[in-house]
PDB file of N, CA and C in Angstrom:
ATOM      1  N   MET A   1       0.839  -1.181   0.000  1.00  0.00           N
ATOM      2  CA  MET A   1       0.000   0.000   0.000  1.00  0.00           C
ATOM      3  C   MET A   1       0.880   1.239   0.000  1.00  0.00           C
ATOM      4  N   LYS A   2       0.600   2.165  -0.899  1.00  0.00           N
ATOM      5  CA  LYS A   2       1.306   3.439  -0.967  1.00  0.00           C
ATOM      6  C   LYS A   2       0.364   4.532  -0.462  1.00  0.00           C
ATOM      7  N   PHE A   3       0.880   5.362   0.421  1.00  0.00           N
ATOM      8  CA  PHE A   3       0.074   6.427   1.002  1.00  0.00           C
ATOM      9  C   PHE A   3       0.431   7.755   0.363  1.00  0.00           C
ATOM     10  N   ILE A   4      -0.583   8.488  -0.061  1.00  0.00           N
ATOM     11  CA  ILE A   4      -0.407   9.826  -0.609  1.00  0.00           C
ATOM     12  C   ILE A   4      -0.910  10.807   0.440  1.00  0.00           C
ATOM     13  N   GLY A   5      -0.004  11.588   1.001  1.00  0.00           N
ATOM     14  CA  GLY A   5      -0.379  12.590   1.993  1.00  0.00           C
ATOM     15  C   GLY A   5      -0.839  13.856   1.301  1.00  0.00           C
ATOM     16  N   ILE A   6      -1.932  14.439   1.795  1.00  0.00           N
ATOM     17  CA  ILE A   6      -2.501  15.619   1.154  1.00  0.00           C
ATOM     18  C   ILE A   6      -2.696  16.713   2.191  1.00  0.00           C
ATOM     19  N   ASP A   7      -2.194  17.908   1.882  1.00  0.00           N
ATOM     20  CA  ASP A   7      -2.369  19.091   2.720  1.00  0.00           C
ATOM     21  C   ASP A   7      -3.247  20.065   1.953  1.00  0.00           C
ATOM     22  N   ILE A   8      -4.390  20.418   2.524  1.00  0.00           N
ATOM     23  CA  ILE A   8      -5.388  21.214   1.810  1.00  0.00           C
ATOM     24  C   ILE A   8      -5.443  22.630   2.364  1.00  0.00           C
ATOM     25  N   SER A   9      -5.516  23.596   1.443  1.00  0.00           N
ATOM     26  CA  SER A   9      -5.783  24.984   1.813  1.00  0.00           C
ATOM     27  C   SER A   9      -6.950  25.485   0.964  1.00  0.00           C
ATOM     28  N   LYS A  10      -7.304  26.725   1.140  1.00  0.00           N
ATOM     29  CA  LYS A  10      -8.468  27.264   0.446  1.00  0.00           C
ATOM     30  C   LYS A  10      -8.337  27.194  -1.077  1.00  0.00           C
ATOM     31  N   SER A  11      -7.182  27.576  -1.614  1.00  0.00           N
ATOM     32  CA  SER A  11      -7.063  27.659  -3.072  1.00  0.00           C
ATOM     33  C   SER A  11      -6.250  26.531  -3.704  1.00  0.00           C
ATOM     34  N   THR A  12      -5.470  25.803  -2.914  1.00  0.00           N
ATOM     35  CA  THR A  12      -4.649  24.722  -3.457  1.00  0.00           C
ATOM     36  C   THR A  12      -4.609  23.546  -2.491  1.00  0.00           C
ATOM     37  N   PHE A  13      -4.079  22.427  -2.982  1.00  0.00           N
ATOM     38  CA  PHE A  13      -3.719  21.324  -2.092  1.00  0.00           C
ATOM     39  C   PHE A  13      -2.432  20.714  -2.616  1.00  0.00           C
ATOM     40  N   VAL A  14      -1.640  20.205  -1.689  1.00  0.00           N
ATOM     41  CA  VAL A  14      -0.345  19.628  -2.029  1.00  0.00           C
ATOM     42  C   VAL A  14      -0.402  18.139  -1.733  1.00  0.00           C
ATOM     43  N   ALA A  15      -0.031  17.330  -2.711  1.00  0.00           N
ATOM     44  CA  ALA A  15       0.010  15.879  -2.548  1.00  0.00           C
ATOM     45  C   ALA A  15       1.467  15.446  -2.460  1.00  0.00           C
ATOM     46  N   ALA A  16       1.763  14.586  -1.485  1.00  0.00           N
ATOM     47  CA  ALA A  16       3.109  14.038  -1.316  1.00  0.00           C
ATOM     48  C   ALA A  16       3.092  12.585  -1.761  1.00  0.00           C
ATOM     49  N   TYR A  17       3.761  12.294  -2.872  1.00  0.00           N
ATOM     50  CA  TYR A  17       3.801  10.953  -3.453  1.00  0.00           C
ATOM     51  C   TYR A  17       5.037  10.212  -2.958  1.00  0.00           C
ATOM     52  N   PRO A  18       4.889   8.974  -2.514  1.00  0.00           N
ATOM     53  CA  PRO A  18       6.059   8.220  -2.045  1.00  0.00           C
ATOM     54  C   PRO A  18       7.019   7.892  -3.184  1.00  0.00           C
ATOM     55  N   GLN A  19       8.301   8.017  -2.902  1.00  0.00           N
ATOM     56  CA  GLN A  19       9.370   7.663  -3.832  1.00  0.00           C
ATOM     57  C   GLN A  19      10.239   6.606  -3.151  1.00  0.00           C
ATOM     58  N   LEU A  20      11.252   6.133  -3.814  1.00  0.00           N
ATOM     59  CA  LEU A  20      12.146   5.162  -3.182  1.00  0.00           C
ATOM     60  C   LEU A  20      12.747   5.724  -1.904  1.00  0.00           C
ATOM     61  N   LYS A  21      13.118   6.989  -1.943  1.00  0.00           N
ATOM     62  CA  LYS A  21      13.633   7.666  -0.751  1.00  0.00           C
ATOM     63  C   LYS A  21      12.847   8.956  -0.571  1.00  0.00           C
ATOM     64  N   GLY A  22      11.996   9.006   0.424  1.00  0.00           N
ATOM     65  CA  GLY A  22      11.234  10.218   0.697  1.00  0.00           C
ATOM     66  C   GLY A  22       9.975  10.360  -0.137  1.00  0.00           C
ATOM     67  N   TYR A  23       9.625  11.614  -0.369  1.00  0.00           N
ATOM     68  CA  TYR A  23       8.390  11.930  -1.094  1.00  0.00           C
ATOM     69  C   TYR A  23       8.668  13.005  -2.139  1.00  0.00           C
ATOM     70  N   GLN A  24       7.831  13.021  -3.171  1.00  0.00           N
ATOM     71  CA  GLN A  24       7.836  14.087  -4.169  1.00  0.00           C
ATOM     72  C   GLN A  24       6.502  14.798  -4.029  1.00  0.00           C
ATOM     73  N   THR A  25       6.512  16.124  -3.994  1.00  0.00           N
ATOM     74  CA  THR A  25       5.263  16.859  -3.830  1.00  0.00           C
ATOM     75  C   THR A  25       4.826  17.497  -5.143  1.00  0.00           C
ATOM     76  N   GLN A  26       3.526  17.660  -5.247  1.00  0.00           N
ATOM     77  CA  GLN A  26       2.918  18.314  -6.403  1.00  0.00           C
ATOM     78  C   GLN A  26       1.758  19.161  -5.888  1.00  0.00           C
ATOM     79  N   THR A  27       1.664  20.393  -6.351  1.00  0.00           N
ATOM     80  CA  THR A  27       0.588  21.296  -5.941  1.00  0.00           C
ATOM     81  C   THR A  27      -0.493  21.328  -7.016  1.00  0.00           C
ATOM     82  N   TYR A  28      -1.745  21.280  -6.567  1.00  0.00           N
ATOM     83  CA  TYR A  28      -2.910  21.311  -7.456  1.00  0.00           C
ATOM     84  C   TYR A  28      -3.843  22.432  -7.008  1.00  0.00           C
ATOM     85  N   THR A  29      -4.600  22.977  -7.955  1.00  0.00           N
ATOM     86  CA  THR A  29      -5.609  23.961  -7.585  1.00  0.00           C
ATOM     87  C   THR A  29      -6.772  23.238  -6.911  1.00  0.00           C
ATOM     88  N   ASN A  30      -7.354  23.879  -5.915  1.00  0.00           N
ATOM     89  CA  ASN A  30      -8.460  23.276  -5.167  1.00  0.00           C
ATOM     90  C   ASN A  30      -9.783  23.605  -5.866  1.00  0.00           C
ATOM     91  N   ASP A  31      -9.901  23.101  -7.077  1.00  0.00           N
ATOM     92  CA  ASP A  31     -11.117  23.241  -7.871  1.00  0.00           C
ATOM     93  C   ASP A  31     -11.293  21.950  -8.669  1.00  0.00           C
ATOM     94  N   LEU A  32     -12.354  21.870  -9.446  1.00  0.00           N
ATOM     95  CA  LEU A  32     -12.654  20.637 -10.172  1.00  0.00           C
ATOM     96  C   LEU A  32     -11.515  20.232 -11.106  1.00  0.00           C
ATOM     97  N   LYS A  33     -10.923  21.189 -11.799  1.00  0.00           N
ATOM     98  CA  LYS A  33      -9.819  20.889 -12.723  1.00  0.00           C
ATOM     99  C   LYS A  33      -8.624  20.287 -11.968  1.00  0.00           C
ATOM    100  N   GLY A  34      -8.251  20.881 -10.839  1.00  0.00           N
ATOM    101  CA  GLY A  34      -7.127  20.384 -10.057  1.00  0.00           C
ATOM    102  C   GLY A  34      -7.391  19.018  -9.451  1.00  0.00           C
ATOM    103  N   VAL A  35      -8.619  18.810  -8.978  1.00  0.00           N
ATOM    104  CA  VAL A  35      -8.992  17.522  -8.388  1.00  0.00           C
ATOM    105  C   VAL A  35      -8.925  16.415  -9.445  1.00  0.00           C
ATOM    106  N   LYS A  36      -9.453  16.683 -10.633  1.00  0.00           N
ATOM    107  CA  LYS A  36      -9.398  15.685 -11.712  1.00  0.00           C
ATOM    108  C   LYS A  36      -7.958  15.366 -12.100  1.00  0.00           C
ATOM    109  N   LYS A  37      -7.124  16.403 -12.166  1.00  0.00           N
ATOM    110  CA  LYS A  37      -5.714  16.194 -12.504  1.00  0.00           C
ATOM    111  C   LYS A  37      -5.037  15.341 -11.432  1.00  0.00           C
ATOM    112  N   PHE A  38      -5.335  15.601 -10.166  1.00  0.00           N
ATOM    113  CA  PHE A  38      -4.760  14.815  -9.078  1.00  0.00           C
ATOM    114  C   PHE A  38      -5.190  13.354  -9.184  1.00  0.00           C
ATOM    115  N   ILE A  39      -6.471  13.099  -9.339  1.00  0.00           N
ATOM    116  CA  ILE A  39      -6.976  11.730  -9.396  1.00  0.00           C
ATOM    117  C   ILE A  39      -6.368  10.971 -10.580  1.00  0.00           C
ATOM    118  N   SER A  40      -6.133  11.658 -11.675  1.00  0.00           N
ATOM    119  CA  SER A  40      -5.530  10.984 -12.834  1.00  0.00           C
ATOM    120  C   SER A  40      -4.029  10.729 -12.643  1.00  0.00           C
ATOM    121  N   SER A  41      -3.434  11.264 -11.572  1.00  0.00           N
ATOM    122  CA  SER A  41      -1.989  11.106 -11.364  1.00  0.00           C
ATOM    123  C   SER A  41      -1.603   9.751 -10.787  1.00  0.00           C
ATOM    124  N   PHE A  42      -2.555   9.007 -10.301  1.00  0.00           N
ATOM    125  CA  PHE A  42      -2.272   7.651  -9.817  1.00  0.00           C
ATOM    126  C   PHE A  42      -3.339   6.728 -10.377  1.00  0.00           C
ATOM    127  N   SER A  43      -2.913   5.533 -10.799  1.00  0.00           N
ATOM    128  CA  SER A  43      -3.849   4.679 -11.517  1.00  0.00           C
ATOM    129  C   SER A  43      -4.147   3.356 -10.830  1.00  0.00           C
ATOM    130  N   ASP A  44      -3.230   2.868 -10.016  1.00  0.00           N
ATOM    131  CA  ASP A  44      -3.506   1.557  -9.431  1.00  0.00           C
ATOM    132  C   ASP A  44      -4.277   1.678  -8.126  1.00  0.00           C
ATOM    133  N   ALA A  45      -4.882   0.595  -7.712  1.00  0.00           N
ATOM    134  CA  ALA A  45      -5.703   0.581  -6.504  1.00  0.00           C
ATOM    135  C   ALA A  45      -4.875   0.426  -5.247  1.00  0.00           C
ATOM    136  N   ASP A  46      -3.562   0.427  -5.383  1.00  0.00           N
ATOM    137  CA  ASP A  46      -2.678   0.223  -4.240  1.00  0.00           C
ATOM    138  C   ASP A  46      -2.288   1.551  -3.585  1.00  0.00           C
ATOM    139  N   HIS A  47      -3.148   2.558  -3.694  1.00  0.00           N
ATOM    140  CA  HIS A  47      -2.902   3.860  -3.093  1.00  0.00           C
ATOM    141  C   HIS A  47      -4.001   4.178  -2.079  1.00  0.00           C
ATOM    142  N   GLN A  48      -3.608   4.885  -1.033  1.00  0.00           N
ATOM    143  CA  GLN A  48      -4.575   5.395  -0.068  1.00  0.00           C
ATOM    144  C   GLN A  48      -4.252   6.857   0.170  1.00  0.00           C
ATOM    145  N   CYS A  49      -5.252   7.704   0.065  1.00  0.00           N
ATOM    146  CA  CYS A  49      -5.069   9.134   0.282  1.00  0.00           C
ATOM    147  C   CYS A  49      -5.304   9.443   1.762  1.00  0.00           C
ATOM    148  N   VAL A  50      -4.360  10.171   2.343  1.00  0.00           N
ATOM    149  CA  VAL A  50      -4.441  10.531   3.757  1.00  0.00           C
ATOM    150  C   VAL A  50      -4.491  12.051   3.843  1.00  0.00           C
ATOM    151  N   LEU A  51      -5.552  12.564   4.452  1.00  0.00           N
ATOM    152  CA  LEU A  51      -5.680  14.003   4.598  1.00  0.00           C
ATOM    153  C   LEU A  51      -6.363  14.342   5.908  1.00  0.00           C
ATOM    154  N   GLU A  52      -6.064  15.548   6.401  1.00  0.00           N
ATOM    155  CA  GLU A  52      -6.666  15.958   7.646  1.00  0.00           C
ATOM    156  C   GLU A  52      -7.994  16.660   7.384  1.00  0.00           C
ATOM    157  N   ALA A  53      -8.838  16.649   8.385  1.00  0.00           N
ATOM    158  CA  ALA A  53     -10.112  17.343   8.295  1.00  0.00           C
ATOM    159  C   ALA A  53      -9.835  18.847   8.327  1.00  0.00           C
ATOM    160  N   THR A  54     -10.227  19.555   7.283  1.00  0.00           N
ATOM    161  CA  THR A  54      -9.951  20.992   7.191  1.00  0.00           C
ATOM    162  C   THR A  54     -11.231  21.775   6.923  1.00  0.00           C
ATOM    163  N   GLY A  55     -12.322  21.340   7.471  1.00  0.00           N
ATOM    164  CA  GLY A  55     -13.576  22.048   7.239  1.00  0.00           C
ATOM    165  C   GLY A  55     -14.021  21.893   5.797  1.00  0.00           C
ATOM    166  N   ASN A  56     -14.481  22.977   5.214  1.00  0.00           N
ATOM    167  CA  ASN A  56     -15.037  22.941   3.855  1.00  0.00           C
ATOM    168  C   ASN A  56     -13.994  22.822   2.755  1.00  0.00           C
ATOM    169  N   TYR A  57     -12.737  23.130   3.030  1.00  0.00           N
ATOM    170  CA  TYR A  57     -11.719  23.168   1.983  1.00  0.00           C
ATOM    171  C   TYR A  57     -11.534  21.826   1.275  1.00  0.00           C
ATOM    172  N   GLY A  58     -11.734  20.725   1.953  1.00  0.00           N
ATOM    173  CA  GLY A  58     -11.515  19.415   1.353  1.00  0.00           C
ATOM    174  C   GLY A  58     -12.751  18.741   0.817  1.00  0.00           C
ATOM    175  N   THR A  59     -13.885  19.412   0.855  1.00  0.00           N
ATOM    176  CA  THR A  59     -15.146  18.781   0.480  1.00  0.00           C
ATOM    177  C   THR A  59     -15.154  18.274  -0.959  1.00  0.00           C
ATOM    178  N   LEU A  60     -14.752  19.098  -1.909  1.00  0.00           N
ATOM    179  CA  LEU A  60     -14.753  18.691  -3.323  1.00  0.00           C
ATOM    180  C   LEU A  60     -13.813  17.511  -3.544  1.00  0.00           C
ATOM    181  N   LEU A  61     -12.617  17.575  -2.977  1.00  0.00           N
ATOM    182  CA  LEU A  61     -11.650  16.492  -3.140  1.00  0.00           C
ATOM    183  C   LEU A  61     -12.180  15.197  -2.533  1.00  0.00           C
ATOM    184  N   LEU A  62     -12.715  15.261  -1.326  1.00  0.00           N
ATOM    185  CA  LEU A  62     -13.267  14.056  -0.689  1.00  0.00           C
ATOM    186  C   LEU A  62     -14.390  13.454  -1.520  1.00  0.00           C
ATOM    187  N   TYR A  63     -15.283  14.301  -2.013  1.00  0.00           N
ATOM    188  CA  TYR A  63     -16.392  13.815  -2.826  1.00  0.00           C
ATOM    189  C   TYR A  63     -15.873  13.102  -4.082  1.00  0.00           C
ATOM    190  N   ALA A  64     -14.936  13.744  -4.778  1.00  0.00           N
ATOM    191  CA  ALA A  64     -14.404  13.153  -6.011  1.00  0.00           C
ATOM    192  C   ALA A  64     -13.669  11.847  -5.734  1.00  0.00           C
ATOM    193  N   LEU A  65     -12.910  11.778  -4.645  1.00  0.00           N
ATOM    194  CA  LEU A  65     -12.207  10.537  -4.297  1.00  0.00           C
ATOM    195  C   LEU A  65     -13.200   9.418  -4.000  1.00  0.00           C
ATOM    196  N   ARG A  66     -14.279   9.740  -3.314  1.00  0.00           N
ATOM    197  CA  ARG A  66     -15.293   8.723  -3.008  1.00  0.00           C
ATOM    198  C   ARG A  66     -16.006   8.255  -4.277  1.00  0.00           C
ATOM    199  N   VAL A  67     -16.307   9.167  -5.177  1.00  0.00           N
ATOM    200  CA  VAL A  67     -16.940   8.800  -6.447  1.00  0.00           C
ATOM    201  C   VAL A  67     -16.045   7.836  -7.223  1.00  0.00           C
ATOM    202  N   GLU A  68     -14.739   8.052  -7.155  1.00  0.00           N
ATOM    203  CA  GLU A  68     -13.785   7.192  -7.853  1.00  0.00           C
ATOM    204  C   GLU A  68     -13.430   5.943  -7.049  1.00  0.00           C
ATOM    205  N   SER A  69     -14.069   5.755  -5.904  1.00  0.00           N
ATOM    206  CA  SER A  69     -13.829   4.601  -5.016  1.00  0.00           C
ATOM    207  C   SER A  69     -12.382   4.496  -4.556  1.00  0.00           C
ATOM    208  N   CYS A  70     -11.755   5.642  -4.343  1.00  0.00           N
ATOM    209  CA  CYS A  70     -10.390   5.665  -3.828  1.00  0.00           C
ATOM    210  C   CYS A  70     -10.405   5.393  -2.325  1.00  0.00           C
ATOM    211  N   LYS A  71      -9.354   4.790  -1.844  1.00  0.00           N
ATOM    212  CA  LYS A  71      -9.215   4.570  -0.406  1.00  0.00           C
ATOM    213  C   LYS A  71      -8.818   5.896   0.232  1.00  0.00           C
ATOM    214  N   ILE A  72      -9.502   6.237   1.341  1.00  0.00           N
ATOM    215  CA  ILE A  72      -9.286   7.536   1.978  1.00  0.00           C
ATOM    216  C   ILE A  72      -9.155   7.354   3.485  1.00  0.00           C
ATOM    217  N   ASP A  73      -8.211   8.079   4.065  1.00  0.00           N
ATOM    218  CA  ASP A  73      -8.118   8.212   5.515  1.00  0.00           C
ATOM    219  C   ASP A  73      -8.255   9.699   5.806  1.00  0.00           C
ATOM    220  N   HIS A  74      -9.431  10.096   6.271  1.00  0.00           N
ATOM    221  CA  HIS A  74      -9.748  11.499   6.547  1.00  0.00           C
ATOM    222  C   HIS A  74      -9.720  11.669   8.054  1.00  0.00           C
ATOM    223  N   SER A  75      -8.624  12.220   8.574  1.00  0.00           N
ATOM    224  CA  SER A  75      -8.382  12.202  10.010  1.00  0.00           C
ATOM    225  C   SER A  75      -8.492  13.577  10.655  1.00  0.00           C
ATOM    226  N   ASN A  76      -8.991  13.573  11.877  1.00  0.00           N
ATOM    227  CA  ASN A  76      -9.000  14.766  12.707  1.00  0.00           C
ATOM    228  C   ASN A  76      -7.573  14.939  13.229  1.00  0.00           C
ATOM    229  N   PRO A  77      -6.903  16.068  12.929  1.00  0.00           N
ATOM    230  CA  PRO A  77      -5.505  16.224  13.334  1.00  0.00           C
ATOM    231  C   PRO A  77      -5.302  16.152  14.851  1.00  0.00           C
ATOM    232  N   ALA A  78      -6.319  16.452  15.632  1.00  0.00           N
ATOM    233  CA  ALA A  78      -6.203  16.370  17.087  1.00  0.00           C
ATOM    234  C   ALA A  78      -6.174  14.919  17.566  1.00  0.00           C
ATOM    235  N   LYS A  79      -6.609  13.989  16.727  1.00  0.00           N
ATOM    236  CA  LYS A  79      -6.685  12.585  17.110  1.00  0.00           C
ATOM    237  C   LYS A  79      -5.527  11.743  16.556  1.00  0.00           C
ATOM    238  N   VAL A  80      -4.705  12.329  15.681  1.00  0.00           N
ATOM    239  CA  VAL A  80      -3.615  11.588  15.069  1.00  0.00           C
ATOM    240  C   VAL A  80      -2.469  11.483  16.069  1.00  0.00           C
ATOM    241  N   THR A  81      -1.917  10.274  16.183  1.00  0.00           N
ATOM    242  CA  THR A  81      -0.797  10.076  17.097  1.00  0.00           C
ATOM    243  C   THR A  81       0.436   9.638  16.318  1.00  0.00           C
ATOM    244  N   LYS A  82       1.577   9.984  16.835  1.00  0.00           N
ATOM    245  CA  LYS A  82       2.829   9.623  16.201  1.00  0.00           C
ATOM    246  C   LYS A  82       3.240   8.223  16.682  1.00  0.00           C
ATOM    247  N   THR A  83       3.647   7.374  15.743  1.00  0.00           N
ATOM    248  CA  THR A  83       4.116   6.040  16.101  1.00  0.00           C
ATOM    249  C   THR A  83       5.566   5.906  15.686  1.00  0.00           C
ATOM    250  N   LYS A  84       6.268   5.012  16.358  1.00  0.00           N
ATOM    251  CA  LYS A  84       7.678   4.782  16.029  1.00  0.00           C
ATOM    252  C   LYS A  84       7.820   3.653  15.051  1.00  0.00           C
TER     253      LYS A  84
END
């Protein structure tokens, strides 16, 4: 399983894609065009998108990911714990 970390703001969101060493980031516009471009950036079912709850800013992205049956972990940042 490959995890794609997503940081959402009002006008953009940044996706962190796993690489052999570390991550590569890509910024997308937080609109329908950017969401479609993001979803088309990964094709296999071995991905899970991880994003924090950010109020309304992530609504379009969450909806589109669910429509595409993508695996999603939508977490409250106050509840996330660090593991070793």
